[in-house]
Amino acid sequence: MLKQQVALYHDRVRERVRQGNQLVGLWRRHGIFVRADDLLDDDEWSTQLRRLPGSRSLHTGLEQVRAAYRLMAAQENSLRKALVGLAQNEEPVRRFFELPGVAWIRAVTFYAYIDTPHRFRNKAALWRYAGIGLERRHSGAGPTRTRLSRQGNRRLKNVLLGAAMSAVTPAKNPFADKYRSWIEEGGLAVPNARRNVARSLASTLWSLWKTGQRYDPQQVMVPA
């Protein structure tokens, strides 16, 4: 039931984003660049409407798209509150929440989609399942090449990469320190360093779940 609630929330987020993109796209057709969230404000909406041609049918169509976006945003907010309440009842999730970049929604998403930490024999298997691992490929007698895995759970991948971005920008914590070290001293590109942080976060969450321990900044797991 918890996994279904998590999936429902993420589906609603996706629908809200889709409606917001549609609304913004309609305004851009008339050379007006606005943020979807700004258009939820009635005063801002009235101000922007005055910049459009005076077609009643155009205004009506925009109002309908805005109403759909407003509905999706309200439903998302309601589902988030309910899901956070459920997340706070789960003991492992409360420990996950202590990690930098891992808020309630990300913590409970990891918990729901992993199901049990014992399904993975090592952290590399966890990374592959979450879509942030590496895979080795070769053709015939040719050289073996390492590339990012194209498989895995897309929802987990987005959650972990989002958590990595939140943990390092801007922040003072072991994950942010390692991120800067990988870039400044190791010469890694920003996307690769951020993916390393995502792997480190996933490994730490996995370890906390298996061992029942609390987050200790001194024992952050570093990707191999």
C-alpha atoms as a PDB file:
ATOM      1  CA  MET A   1       0.000   0.000   0.000  1.00  0.00           C
ATOM      2  CA  LEU A   2       2.860   2.374   0.804  1.00  0.00           C
ATOM      3  CA  LYS A   3       4.487   1.672  -2.551  1.00  0.00           C
ATOM      4  CA  GLN A   4       1.203   2.419  -4.315  1.00  0.00           C
ATOM      5  CA  GLN A   5       0.943   5.720  -2.435  1.00  0.00           C
ATOM      6  CA  VAL A   6       4.502   6.618  -3.422  1.00  0.00           C
ATOM      7  CA  ALA A   7       3.794   5.781  -7.068  1.00  0.00           C
ATOM      8  CA  LEU A   8       0.567   7.816  -7.017  1.00  0.00           C
ATOM      9  CA  TYR A   9       2.420  10.849  -5.685  1.00  0.00           C
ATOM     10  CA  HIS A  10       5.134  10.666  -8.337  1.00  0.00           C
ATOM     11  CA  ASP A  11       2.528  10.184 -11.070  1.00  0.00           C
ATOM     12  CA  ARG A  12       0.754  13.322  -9.884  1.00  0.00           C
ATOM     13  CA  VAL A  13       4.038  15.253  -9.906  1.00  0.00           C
ATOM     14  CA  ARG A  14       4.604  14.152 -13.508  1.00  0.00           C
ATOM     15  CA  GLU A  15       1.106  15.290 -14.486  1.00  0.00           C
ATOM     16  CA  ARG A  16       1.565  18.634 -12.746  1.00  0.00           C
ATOM     17  CA  VAL A  17       4.832  19.218 -14.595  1.00  0.00           C
ATOM     18  CA  ARG A  18       3.204  18.263 -17.903  1.00  0.00           C
ATOM     19  CA  GLN A  19       0.339  20.691 -17.346  1.00  0.00           C
ATOM     20  CA  GLY A  20       2.771  23.408 -16.303  1.00  0.00           C
ATOM     21  CA  ASN A  21       4.868  22.927 -19.431  1.00  0.00           C
ATOM     22  CA  GLN A  22       1.751  23.124 -21.577  1.00  0.00           C
ATOM     23  CA  LEU A  23       0.671  26.346 -19.882  1.00  0.00           C
ATOM     24  CA  VAL A  24       4.088  27.962 -20.247  1.00  0.00           C
ATOM     25  CA  GLY A  25       4.286  26.819 -23.880  1.00  0.00           C
ATOM     26  CA  LEU A  26       0.999  28.515 -24.726  1.00  0.00           C
ATOM     27  CA  TRP A  27       2.265  31.816 -23.369  1.00  0.00           C
ATOM     28  CA  ARG A  28       5.557  31.504 -25.230  1.00  0.00           C
ATOM     29  CA  ARG A  29       3.665  31.322 -28.513  1.00  0.00           C
ATOM     30  CA  HIS A  30       2.845  34.973 -27.896  1.00  0.00           C
ATOM     31  CA  GLY A  31       6.397  35.922 -26.915  1.00  0.00           C
ATOM     32  CA  ILE A  32       5.679  35.999 -23.177  1.00  0.00           C
ATOM     33  CA  PHE A  33       8.075  34.051 -20.945  1.00  0.00           C
ATOM     34  CA  VAL A  34       6.684  33.244 -17.518  1.00  0.00           C
ATOM     35  CA  ARG A  35       6.981  30.515 -14.893  1.00  0.00           C
ATOM     36  CA  ALA A  36       4.027  28.234 -14.411  1.00  0.00           C
ATOM     37  CA  ASP A  37       4.037  28.696 -10.625  1.00  0.00           C
ATOM     38  CA  ASP A  38       3.932  32.488 -11.031  1.00  0.00           C
ATOM     39  CA  LEU A  39       0.748  32.167 -13.066  1.00  0.00           C
ATOM     40  CA  LEU A  40      -1.035  30.637 -10.070  1.00  0.00           C
ATOM     41  CA  ASP A  41      -1.007  34.091  -8.489  1.00  0.00           C
ATOM     42  CA  ASP A  42      -4.205  35.927  -9.498  1.00  0.00           C
ATOM     43  CA  ASP A  43      -2.546  39.346  -9.734  1.00  0.00           C
ATOM     44  CA  GLU A  44       0.278  38.002 -11.906  1.00  0.00           C
ATOM     45  CA  TRP A  45      -2.235  36.174 -14.070  1.00  0.00           C
ATOM     46  CA  SER A  46      -4.265  39.355 -14.660  1.00  0.00           C
ATOM     47  CA  THR A  47      -1.111  41.314 -15.457  1.00  0.00           C
ATOM     48  CA  GLN A  48       0.007  38.791 -18.067  1.00  0.00           C
ATOM     49  CA  LEU A  49      -3.460  38.519 -19.618  1.00  0.00           C
ATOM     50  CA  ARG A  50      -3.362  42.229 -20.396  1.00  0.00           C
ATOM     51  CA  ARG A  51      -0.286  41.616 -22.544  1.00  0.00           C
ATOM     52  CA  LEU A  52      -2.165  39.195 -24.797  1.00  0.00           C
ATOM     53  CA  PRO A  53      -4.416  39.902 -27.770  1.00  0.00           C
ATOM     54  CA  GLY A  54      -7.984  40.602 -26.686  1.00  0.00           C
ATOM     55  CA  SER A  55      -9.426  37.340 -28.026  1.00  0.00           C
ATOM     56  CA  ARG A  56     -12.021  35.974 -25.617  1.00  0.00           C
ATOM     57  CA  SER A  57     -11.586  32.410 -26.886  1.00  0.00           C
ATOM     58  CA  LEU A  58      -7.811  32.637 -26.298  1.00  0.00           C
ATOM     59  CA  HIS A  59      -8.288  33.811 -22.731  1.00  0.00           C
ATOM     60  CA  THR A  60     -10.864  31.079 -22.073  1.00  0.00           C
ATOM     61  CA  GLY A  61      -8.520  28.373 -23.347  1.00  0.00           C
ATOM     62  CA  LEU A  62      -5.685  29.621 -21.169  1.00  0.00           C
ATOM     63  CA  GLU A  63      -7.968  29.742 -18.149  1.00  0.00           C
ATOM     64  CA  GLN A  64      -8.894  26.093 -18.671  1.00  0.00           C
ATOM     65  CA  VAL A  65      -5.259  24.996 -18.852  1.00  0.00           C
ATOM     66  CA  ARG A  66      -4.489  27.072 -15.765  1.00  0.00           C
ATOM     67  CA  ALA A  67      -7.391  25.456 -13.896  1.00  0.00           C
ATOM     68  CA  ALA A  68      -5.999  22.002 -14.743  1.00  0.00           C
ATOM     69  CA  TYR A  69      -2.546  23.039 -13.558  1.00  0.00           C
ATOM     70  CA  ARG A  70      -3.960  24.486 -10.345  1.00  0.00           C
ATOM     71  CA  LEU A  71      -5.836  21.232  -9.697  1.00  0.00           C
ATOM     72  CA  MET A  72      -2.720  19.109 -10.261  1.00  0.00           C
ATOM     73  CA  ALA A  73      -0.701  21.358  -7.938  1.00  0.00           C
ATOM     74  CA  ALA A  74      -3.351  21.137  -5.193  1.00  0.00           C
ATOM     75  CA  GLN A  75      -3.573  17.352  -5.498  1.00  0.00           C
ATOM     76  CA  GLU A  76       0.204  17.018  -5.421  1.00  0.00           C
ATOM     77  CA  ASN A  77       0.385  19.116  -2.254  1.00  0.00           C
ATOM     78  CA  SER A  78      -2.327  17.034  -0.591  1.00  0.00           C
ATOM     79  CA  LEU A  79      -0.657  13.750  -1.553  1.00  0.00           C
ATOM     80  CA  ARG A  80       2.716  15.009  -0.351  1.00  0.00           C
ATOM     81  CA  LYS A  81       1.355  15.837   3.099  1.00  0.00           C
ATOM     82  CA  ALA A  82      -0.263  12.418   3.394  1.00  0.00           C
ATOM     83  CA  LEU A  83       2.862  10.638   2.172  1.00  0.00           C
ATOM     84  CA  VAL A  84       5.131  12.498   4.581  1.00  0.00           C
ATOM     85  CA  GLY A  85       2.846  11.400   7.404  1.00  0.00           C
ATOM     86  CA  LEU A  86       3.179   7.781   6.293  1.00  0.00           C
ATOM     87  CA  ALA A  87       6.947   8.130   5.868  1.00  0.00           C
ATOM     88  CA  GLN A  88       7.397   9.386   9.407  1.00  0.00           C
ATOM     89  CA  ASN A  89       5.847   6.168  10.722  1.00  0.00           C
ATOM     90  CA  GLU A  90       8.592   4.015   9.179  1.00  0.00           C
ATOM     91  CA  GLU A  91      11.676   3.662  11.394  1.00  0.00           C
ATOM     92  CA  PRO A  92      14.232   3.150   8.557  1.00  0.00           C
ATOM     93  CA  VAL A  93      12.839   6.178   6.725  1.00  0.00           C
ATOM     94  CA  ARG A  94      13.352   8.340   9.792  1.00  0.00           C
ATOM     95  CA  ARG A  95      17.033   7.371   9.729  1.00  0.00           C
ATOM     96  CA  PHE A  96      17.266   7.978   5.976  1.00  0.00           C
ATOM     97  CA  PHE A  97      15.933  11.500   6.553  1.00  0.00           C
ATOM     98  CA  GLU A  98      19.104  12.387   8.481  1.00  0.00           C
ATOM     99  CA  LEU A  99      21.247  12.236   5.323  1.00  0.00           C
ATOM    100  CA  PRO A 100      22.043  15.450   3.432  1.00  0.00           C
ATOM    101  CA  GLY A 101      19.790  15.878   0.398  1.00  0.00           C
ATOM    102  CA  VAL A 102      17.388  13.125   1.468  1.00  0.00           C
ATOM    103  CA  ALA A 103      14.047  14.660   2.477  1.00  0.00           C
ATOM    104  CA  TRP A 104      10.944  12.660   3.398  1.00  0.00           C
ATOM    105  CA  ILE A 105       9.717  11.991  -0.145  1.00  0.00           C
ATOM    106  CA  ARG A 106      13.108  10.805  -1.375  1.00  0.00           C
ATOM    107  CA  ALA A 107      13.618   8.703   1.744  1.00  0.00           C
ATOM    108  CA  VAL A 108      10.268   6.939   1.495  1.00  0.00           C
ATOM    109  CA  THR A 109      10.660   6.429  -2.270  1.00  0.00           C
ATOM    110  CA  PHE A 110      13.962   4.624  -1.718  1.00  0.00           C
ATOM    111  CA  TYR A 111      12.365   2.565   1.062  1.00  0.00           C
ATOM    112  CA  ALA A 112       9.307   1.599  -0.991  1.00  0.00           C
ATOM    113  CA  TYR A 113      11.060   0.714  -4.240  1.00  0.00           C
ATOM    114  CA  ILE A 114      13.987  -1.177  -2.729  1.00  0.00           C
ATOM    115  CA  ASP A 115      11.570  -3.259  -0.591  1.00  0.00           C
ATOM    116  CA  THR A 116      14.367  -4.971   1.356  1.00  0.00           C
ATOM    117  CA  PRO A 117      18.127  -4.308   1.471  1.00  0.00           C
ATOM    118  CA  HIS A 118      18.845  -8.047   1.424  1.00  0.00           C
ATOM    119  CA  ARG A 119      17.852  -8.460  -2.218  1.00  0.00           C
ATOM    120  CA  PHE A 120      21.261  -7.124  -3.350  1.00  0.00           C
ATOM    121  CA  ARG A 121      24.488  -9.088  -2.888  1.00  0.00           C
ATOM    122  CA  ASN A 122      26.647  -5.958  -3.147  1.00  0.00           C
ATOM    123  CA  LYS A 123      26.442  -2.226  -3.723  1.00  0.00           C
ATOM    124  CA  ALA A 124      27.164  -2.584  -7.459  1.00  0.00           C
ATOM    125  CA  ALA A 125      23.943  -4.602  -7.821  1.00  0.00           C
ATOM    126  CA  LEU A 126      22.075  -1.871  -5.945  1.00  0.00           C
ATOM    127  CA  TRP A 127      23.486   0.801  -8.253  1.00  0.00           C
ATOM    128  CA  ARG A 128      22.471  -1.134 -11.355  1.00  0.00           C
ATOM    129  CA  TYR A 129      18.939  -1.602 -10.064  1.00  0.00           C
ATOM    130  CA  ALA A 130      18.709   2.119  -9.304  1.00  0.00           C
ATOM    131  CA  GLY A 131      19.970   3.076 -12.776  1.00  0.00           C
ATOM    132  CA  ILE A 132      23.194   4.711 -11.562  1.00  0.00           C
ATOM    133  CA  GLY A 133      25.585   1.805 -12.063  1.00  0.00           C
ATOM    134  CA  LEU A 134      28.103   0.905 -14.731  1.00  0.00           C
ATOM    135  CA  GLU A 135      28.046  -1.966 -17.189  1.00  0.00           C
ATOM    136  CA  ARG A 136      30.843  -3.544 -19.211  1.00  0.00           C
ATOM    137  CA  ARG A 137      30.292  -4.401 -22.864  1.00  0.00           C
ATOM    138  CA  HIS A 138      32.434  -5.960 -25.541  1.00  0.00           C
ATOM    139  CA  SER A 139      31.888  -7.212 -29.046  1.00  0.00           C
ATOM    140  CA  GLY A 140      33.739 -10.346 -30.184  1.00  0.00           C
ATOM    141  CA  ALA A 141      37.428 -10.074 -29.475  1.00  0.00           C
ATOM    142  CA  GLY A 142      37.236  -6.298 -29.174  1.00  0.00           C
ATOM    143  CA  PRO A 143      38.126  -4.325 -26.056  1.00  0.00           C
ATOM    144  CA  THR A 144      35.788  -4.228 -23.063  1.00  0.00           C
ATOM    145  CA  ARG A 145      34.121  -0.849 -22.666  1.00  0.00           C
ATOM    146  CA  THR A 146      32.556   0.556 -19.527  1.00  0.00           C
ATOM    147  CA  ARG A 147      29.502   2.770 -19.830  1.00  0.00           C
ATOM    148  CA  LEU A 148      26.587   3.999 -17.750  1.00  0.00           C
ATOM    149  CA  SER A 149      23.858   1.427 -17.349  1.00  0.00           C
ATOM    150  CA  ARG A 150      20.791   2.080 -19.478  1.00  0.00           C
ATOM    151  CA  GLN A 151      18.606  -0.108 -17.331  1.00  0.00           C
ATOM    152  CA  GLY A 152      17.284   0.237 -13.814  1.00  0.00           C
ATOM    153  CA  ASN A 153      14.420   1.906 -12.015  1.00  0.00           C
ATOM    154  CA  ARG A 154      14.022   5.376 -13.500  1.00  0.00           C
ATOM    155  CA  ARG A 155      12.141   6.691 -10.478  1.00  0.00           C
ATOM    156  CA  LEU A 156      14.920   5.644  -8.105  1.00  0.00           C
ATOM    157  CA  LYS A 157      17.499   7.113 -10.460  1.00  0.00           C
ATOM    158  CA  ASN A 158      15.759  10.499 -10.467  1.00  0.00           C
ATOM    159  CA  VAL A 159      15.376  10.465  -6.692  1.00  0.00           C
ATOM    160  CA  LEU A 160      19.044   9.653  -6.044  1.00  0.00           C
ATOM    161  CA  LEU A 161      20.390  12.137  -8.589  1.00  0.00           C
ATOM    162  CA  GLY A 162      18.075  14.797  -7.173  1.00  0.00           C
ATOM    163  CA  ALA A 163      19.276  14.015  -3.661  1.00  0.00           C
ATOM    164  CA  ALA A 164      22.879  14.266  -4.856  1.00  0.00           C
ATOM    165  CA  MET A 165      22.251  17.709  -6.337  1.00  0.00           C
ATOM    166  CA  SER A 166      20.597  18.923  -3.124  1.00  0.00           C
ATOM    167  CA  ALA A 167      23.411  17.510  -0.991  1.00  0.00           C
ATOM    168  CA  VAL A 168      26.187  19.375  -2.808  1.00  0.00           C
ATOM    169  CA  THR A 169      24.669  22.746  -3.755  1.00  0.00           C
ATOM    170  CA  PRO A 170      25.595  24.534  -1.584  1.00  0.00           C
ATOM    171  CA  ALA A 171      26.414  22.514   1.502  1.00  0.00           C
ATOM    172  CA  LYS A 172      29.045  21.527   4.014  1.00  0.00           C
ATOM    173  CA  ASN A 173      28.860  17.772   4.489  1.00  0.00           C
ATOM    174  CA  PRO A 174      30.932  14.690   3.540  1.00  0.00           C
ATOM    175  CA  PHE A 175      29.090  14.234   0.242  1.00  0.00           C
ATOM    176  CA  ALA A 176      29.679  17.834  -0.801  1.00  0.00           C
ATOM    177  CA  ASP A 177      33.338  17.582   0.236  1.00  0.00           C
ATOM    178  CA  LYS A 178      33.843  14.463  -1.856  1.00  0.00           C
ATOM    179  CA  TYR A 179      32.013  16.071  -4.781  1.00  0.00           C
ATOM    180  CA  ARG A 180      34.375  19.051  -4.795  1.00  0.00           C
ATOM    181  CA  SER A 181      37.392  16.768  -4.393  1.00  0.00           C
ATOM    182  CA  TRP A 182      36.352  14.625  -7.375  1.00  0.00           C
ATOM    183  CA  ILE A 183      36.066  17.732  -9.528  1.00  0.00           C
ATOM    184  CA  GLU A 184      38.982  19.841  -8.325  1.00  0.00           C
ATOM    185  CA  GLU A 185      41.528  17.117  -7.574  1.00  0.00           C
ATOM    186  CA  GLY A 186      40.291  14.144  -9.558  1.00  0.00           C
ATOM    187  CA  GLY A 187      39.378  16.059 -12.700  1.00  0.00           C
ATOM    188  CA  LEU A 188      35.927  14.476 -12.997  1.00  0.00           C
ATOM    189  CA  ALA A 189      33.251  16.196 -15.034  1.00  0.00           C
ATOM    190  CA  VAL A 190      30.373  17.636 -13.001  1.00  0.00           C
ATOM    191  CA  PRO A 191      27.796  15.026 -14.162  1.00  0.00           C
ATOM    192  CA  ASN A 192      30.163  12.167 -13.281  1.00  0.00           C
ATOM    193  CA  ALA A 193      30.959  13.645  -9.875  1.00  0.00           C
ATOM    194  CA  ARG A 194      27.254  14.116  -9.181  1.00  0.00           C
ATOM    195  CA  ARG A 195      26.592  10.511 -10.157  1.00  0.00           C
ATOM    196  CA  ASN A 196      29.341   9.434  -7.765  1.00  0.00           C
ATOM    197  CA  VAL A 197      27.552  11.324  -4.999  1.00  0.00           C
ATOM    198  CA  ALA A 198      24.311   9.546  -5.917  1.00  0.00           C
ATOM    199  CA  ARG A 199      26.100   6.196  -5.624  1.00  0.00           C
ATOM    200  CA  SER A 200      27.556   7.196  -2.275  1.00  0.00           C
ATOM    201  CA  LEU A 201      24.127   8.219  -1.004  1.00  0.00           C
ATOM    202  CA  ALA A 202      22.593   4.952  -2.224  1.00  0.00           C
ATOM    203  CA  SER A 203      25.355   2.909  -0.571  1.00  0.00           C
ATOM    204  CA  THR A 204      24.958   4.763   2.708  1.00  0.00           C
ATOM    205  CA  LEU A 205      21.161   4.352   2.727  1.00  0.00           C
ATOM    206  CA  TRP A 206      21.557   0.655   1.944  1.00  0.00           C
ATOM    207  CA  SER A 207      24.128   0.177   4.723  1.00  0.00           C
ATOM    208  CA  LEU A 208      22.008   2.005   7.316  1.00  0.00           C
ATOM    209  CA  TRP A 209      19.037  -0.149   6.436  1.00  0.00           C
ATOM    210  CA  LYS A 210      20.959  -3.426   6.667  1.00  0.00           C
ATOM    211  CA  THR A 211      22.760  -2.646   9.895  1.00  0.00           C
ATOM    212  CA  GLY A 212      20.080  -0.637  11.703  1.00  0.00           C
ATOM    213  CA  GLN A 213      22.627   2.086  12.444  1.00  0.00           C
ATOM    214  CA  ARG A 214      22.123   5.841  12.348  1.00  0.00           C
ATOM    215  CA  TYR A 215      23.843   8.180   9.916  1.00  0.00           C
ATOM    216  CA  ASP A 216      27.450   8.917  10.839  1.00  0.00           C
ATOM    217  CA  PRO A 217      29.191  11.517   8.623  1.00  0.00           C
ATOM    218  CA  GLN A 218      32.540   9.874   9.397  1.00  0.00           C
ATOM    219  CA  GLN A 219      31.492   6.614   7.745  1.00  0.00           C
ATOM    220  CA  VAL A 220      30.150   7.796   4.402  1.00  0.00           C
ATOM    221  CA  MET A 221      30.630   5.060   1.801  1.00  0.00           C
ATOM    222  CA  VAL A 222      32.654   6.076  -1.251  1.00  0.00           C
ATOM    223  CA  PRO A 223      31.921   4.505  -4.688  1.00  0.00           C
ATOM    224  CA  ALA A 224      34.575   2.129  -5.939  1.00  0.00           C
END
